[in-house]
N, C-alpha and C. Protein backbone atom coordinates (compact mmCIF):
# COMPACT_ATOMS: atom_id res chain seq x y z
N MET A 1 136.11 131.15 164.20
CA MET A 1 135.09 130.58 165.03
C MET A 1 135.36 131.05 166.46
N VAL A 2 134.35 131.52 167.12
CA VAL A 2 134.46 131.96 168.50
C VAL A 2 133.61 131.04 169.36
N LEU A 3 134.23 130.49 170.39
CA LEU A 3 133.51 129.65 171.34
C LEU A 3 133.43 130.38 172.67
N ASP A 4 132.29 130.36 173.27
CA ASP A 4 132.09 130.99 174.56
C ASP A 4 131.39 129.97 175.44
N ASN A 5 132.08 129.53 176.50
CA ASN A 5 131.45 128.57 177.40
C ASN A 5 131.86 128.89 178.84
N ARG A 6 131.56 128.01 179.73
CA ARG A 6 131.83 128.26 181.16
C ARG A 6 133.33 128.41 181.47
N LEU A 7 134.17 127.86 180.62
CA LEU A 7 135.61 127.95 180.84
C LEU A 7 136.22 129.23 180.29
N GLY A 8 135.48 129.94 179.45
CA GLY A 8 135.99 131.19 178.91
C GLY A 8 135.65 131.37 177.45
N ASN A 9 136.33 132.32 176.82
CA ASN A 9 136.15 132.63 175.41
C ASN A 9 137.35 132.12 174.62
N TYR A 10 137.08 131.56 173.45
CA TYR A 10 138.15 130.99 172.63
C TYR A 10 137.99 131.46 171.20
N LEU A 11 139.10 131.85 170.60
CA LEU A 11 139.14 132.22 169.20
C LEU A 11 139.90 131.13 168.47
N ILE A 12 139.21 130.41 167.59
CA ILE A 12 139.82 129.30 166.87
C ILE A 12 139.80 129.62 165.38
N TYR A 13 140.98 129.61 164.78
CA TYR A 13 141.09 129.81 163.34
C TYR A 13 140.91 128.46 162.66
N ALA A 14 140.10 128.43 161.63
CA ALA A 14 139.88 127.20 160.87
C ALA A 14 140.25 127.44 159.41
N GLU A 15 140.89 126.46 158.83
CA GLU A 15 141.22 126.49 157.41
C GLU A 15 140.72 125.20 156.80
N CYS A 16 139.97 125.32 155.70
CA CYS A 16 139.39 124.16 155.03
C CYS A 16 140.03 123.98 153.67
N LYS A 17 140.37 122.74 153.35
CA LYS A 17 140.99 122.42 152.07
C LYS A 17 140.21 121.31 151.39
N LYS A 18 139.70 121.60 150.19
CA LYS A 18 139.02 120.59 149.39
C LYS A 18 140.03 120.07 148.38
N PHE A 19 140.71 119.00 148.76
CA PHE A 19 141.75 118.40 147.93
C PHE A 19 141.24 117.08 147.36
N ALA A 20 141.82 116.66 146.26
CA ALA A 20 141.51 115.35 145.68
C ALA A 20 141.91 114.26 146.69
N PRO A 21 141.23 113.12 146.66
CA PRO A 21 141.52 112.06 147.63
C PRO A 21 142.97 111.59 147.66
N ASN A 22 143.69 111.75 146.56
CA ASN A 22 145.08 111.30 146.50
C ASN A 22 146.09 112.43 146.75
N ARG A 23 145.61 113.61 147.12
CA ARG A 23 146.50 114.77 147.36
C ARG A 23 146.46 115.14 148.83
N PRO A 24 147.54 114.89 149.56
CA PRO A 24 147.54 115.20 150.99
C PRO A 24 147.74 116.68 151.26
N VAL A 25 147.29 117.11 152.41
CA VAL A 25 147.59 118.44 152.92
C VAL A 25 149.00 118.38 153.51
N GLY A 26 149.85 119.28 153.07
CA GLY A 26 151.24 119.27 153.51
C GLY A 26 151.51 120.13 154.72
N VAL A 27 152.72 120.02 155.20
CA VAL A 27 153.14 120.72 156.41
C VAL A 27 153.11 122.24 156.25
N SER A 28 153.30 122.75 155.05
CA SER A 28 153.33 124.21 154.87
C SER A 28 152.00 124.86 155.24
N ILE A 29 150.90 124.19 154.95
CA ILE A 29 149.58 124.74 155.30
C ILE A 29 149.41 124.79 156.81
N ILE A 30 149.86 123.74 157.49
CA ILE A 30 149.77 123.69 158.96
C ILE A 30 150.67 124.76 159.57
N SER A 31 151.86 124.87 159.03
CA SER A 31 152.83 125.85 159.54
C SER A 31 152.32 127.28 159.35
N ASP A 32 151.75 127.57 158.18
CA ASP A 32 151.21 128.90 157.92
C ASP A 32 150.09 129.26 158.88
N LEU A 33 149.17 128.32 159.10
CA LEU A 33 148.06 128.59 160.02
C LEU A 33 148.59 128.76 161.44
N SER A 34 149.56 127.95 161.82
CA SER A 34 150.15 128.06 163.15
C SER A 34 150.76 129.45 163.35
N GLY A 35 151.43 129.96 162.33
CA GLY A 35 152.00 131.30 162.40
C GLY A 35 150.94 132.37 162.58
N ARG A 36 149.82 132.24 161.87
CA ARG A 36 148.73 133.21 162.00
C ARG A 36 148.08 133.13 163.38
N VAL A 37 147.91 131.91 163.88
CA VAL A 37 147.35 131.73 165.23
C VAL A 37 148.22 132.44 166.25
N ASN A 38 149.53 132.21 166.17
CA ASN A 38 150.45 132.83 167.13
C ASN A 38 150.52 134.35 166.96
N ALA A 39 150.59 134.82 165.72
CA ALA A 39 150.72 136.26 165.48
C ALA A 39 149.49 137.04 165.96
N ASP A 40 148.31 136.43 165.81
CA ASP A 40 147.08 137.12 166.17
C ASP A 40 146.61 136.83 167.59
N GLY A 41 147.31 135.96 168.29
CA GLY A 41 146.92 135.64 169.66
C GLY A 41 145.66 134.79 169.74
N ALA A 42 145.37 134.02 168.68
CA ALA A 42 144.21 133.13 168.72
C ALA A 42 144.49 131.97 169.68
N THR A 43 143.44 131.32 170.11
CA THR A 43 143.57 130.22 171.05
C THR A 43 144.15 128.98 170.37
N ALA A 44 143.67 128.66 169.17
CA ALA A 44 144.11 127.45 168.48
C ALA A 44 143.74 127.52 167.01
N GLY A 45 144.21 126.52 166.26
CA GLY A 45 143.89 126.40 164.85
C GLY A 45 143.34 125.02 164.55
N LEU A 46 142.59 124.95 163.47
CA LEU A 46 141.99 123.70 163.02
C LEU A 46 142.06 123.65 161.50
N VAL A 47 142.63 122.58 160.96
CA VAL A 47 142.68 122.39 159.52
C VAL A 47 141.78 121.19 159.20
N ILE A 48 140.84 121.42 158.29
CA ILE A 48 139.89 120.39 157.88
C ILE A 48 140.11 120.14 156.39
N THR A 49 140.12 118.85 155.99
CA THR A 49 140.30 118.53 154.59
C THR A 49 139.40 117.37 154.15
N THR A 50 139.08 117.37 152.87
CA THR A 50 138.37 116.26 152.27
C THR A 50 139.33 115.15 151.88
N SER A 51 140.61 115.37 152.12
CA SER A 51 141.66 114.42 151.76
C SER A 51 142.27 113.83 153.04
N TYR A 52 143.57 113.86 153.14
CA TYR A 52 144.29 113.37 154.32
C TYR A 52 145.52 114.24 154.53
N PHE A 53 146.25 114.01 155.61
CA PHE A 53 147.42 114.82 155.95
C PHE A 53 148.70 114.03 155.72
N SER A 54 149.72 114.71 155.21
CA SER A 54 151.01 114.06 154.98
C SER A 54 151.65 113.69 156.31
N PRO A 55 152.56 112.74 156.31
CA PRO A 55 153.27 112.39 157.55
C PRO A 55 153.98 113.60 158.18
N ASP A 56 154.58 114.45 157.34
CA ASP A 56 155.25 115.65 157.87
C ASP A 56 154.26 116.59 158.55
N ALA A 57 153.07 116.73 157.98
CA ALA A 57 152.04 117.58 158.59
C ALA A 57 151.62 117.02 159.94
N LYS A 58 151.44 115.71 160.01
CA LYS A 58 151.06 115.08 161.28
C LYS A 58 152.17 115.22 162.33
N ASN A 59 153.42 115.03 161.91
CA ASN A 59 154.54 115.16 162.85
C ASN A 59 154.66 116.58 163.38
N PHE A 60 154.51 117.58 162.50
CA PHE A 60 154.58 118.97 162.93
C PHE A 60 153.46 119.28 163.92
N THR A 61 152.26 118.81 163.61
CA THR A 61 151.12 119.07 164.47
C THR A 61 151.29 118.42 165.84
N GLU A 62 151.92 117.26 165.89
CA GLU A 62 152.14 116.58 167.17
C GLU A 62 152.96 117.46 168.12
N LYS A 63 153.86 118.27 167.58
CA LYS A 63 154.70 119.15 168.41
C LYS A 63 153.92 120.33 168.97
N ILE A 64 152.79 120.67 168.32
CA ILE A 64 151.99 121.82 168.77
C ILE A 64 150.54 121.41 168.99
N LYS A 65 150.33 120.18 169.43
CA LYS A 65 148.98 119.63 169.52
C LYS A 65 148.05 120.39 170.47
N HIS A 66 148.61 121.17 171.38
CA HIS A 66 147.76 121.99 172.26
C HIS A 66 147.27 123.25 171.56
N LYS A 67 147.79 123.53 170.36
CA LYS A 67 147.40 124.74 169.61
C LYS A 67 146.85 124.44 168.21
N MET A 68 146.89 123.17 167.78
CA MET A 68 146.49 122.85 166.42
C MET A 68 145.83 121.47 166.37
N SER A 69 144.72 121.39 165.62
CA SER A 69 144.02 120.12 165.42
C SER A 69 143.83 119.89 163.93
N LEU A 70 143.80 118.61 163.56
CA LEU A 70 143.59 118.22 162.17
C LEU A 70 142.33 117.37 162.06
N ALA A 71 141.58 117.58 161.00
CA ALA A 71 140.40 116.75 160.73
C ALA A 71 140.45 116.34 159.26
N ASP A 72 140.69 115.05 159.03
CA ASP A 72 140.74 114.54 157.67
C ASP A 72 139.36 114.06 157.22
N TYR A 73 139.30 113.44 156.06
CA TYR A 73 138.03 113.00 155.49
C TYR A 73 137.26 112.11 156.46
N LEU A 74 137.94 111.17 157.09
CA LEU A 74 137.24 110.24 157.99
C LEU A 74 136.65 110.95 159.21
N LYS A 75 137.41 111.86 159.78
CA LYS A 75 136.89 112.61 160.93
C LYS A 75 135.75 113.54 160.50
N LEU A 76 135.92 114.17 159.35
CA LEU A 76 134.87 115.05 158.83
C LEU A 76 133.58 114.26 158.59
N GLU A 77 133.70 113.07 158.02
CA GLU A 77 132.55 112.21 157.79
C GLU A 77 131.87 111.83 159.11
N ASP A 78 132.67 111.54 160.13
CA ASP A 78 132.12 111.21 161.45
C ASP A 78 131.39 112.41 162.04
N TRP A 79 131.94 113.60 161.91
CA TRP A 79 131.29 114.81 162.42
C TRP A 79 129.94 115.01 161.74
N ILE A 80 129.90 114.79 160.43
CA ILE A 80 128.66 114.99 159.69
C ILE A 80 127.60 113.99 160.14
N ARG A 81 128.00 112.76 160.34
CA ARG A 81 127.04 111.72 160.74
C ARG A 81 126.62 111.81 162.20
N ASN A 82 127.57 112.15 163.07
CA ASN A 82 127.30 112.09 164.51
C ASN A 82 127.32 113.43 165.22
N GLY A 83 127.63 114.48 164.53
CA GLY A 83 127.75 115.79 165.16
C GLY A 83 129.12 115.97 165.80
N LEU A 84 129.47 117.20 166.04
CA LEU A 84 130.76 117.48 166.67
C LEU A 84 130.70 116.97 168.05
């Protein structure tokens, strides 16, 4: 996803996971995307899931919150209803 606004141009990598409601997205997926973001010089990463994120995934993301965002089922539902 490329964003272009008054503040500049941004390259955001997004990864979507359609997981069962009882299967969390783990830290390895976040870590892998973070590595690709850094290697390619992207601005940030975003992981979206129909499920939820494991505690380890949330803790890892907290350390790199300026480069990575998470959107779980509840946030995704809010985006669909109210727009980004």
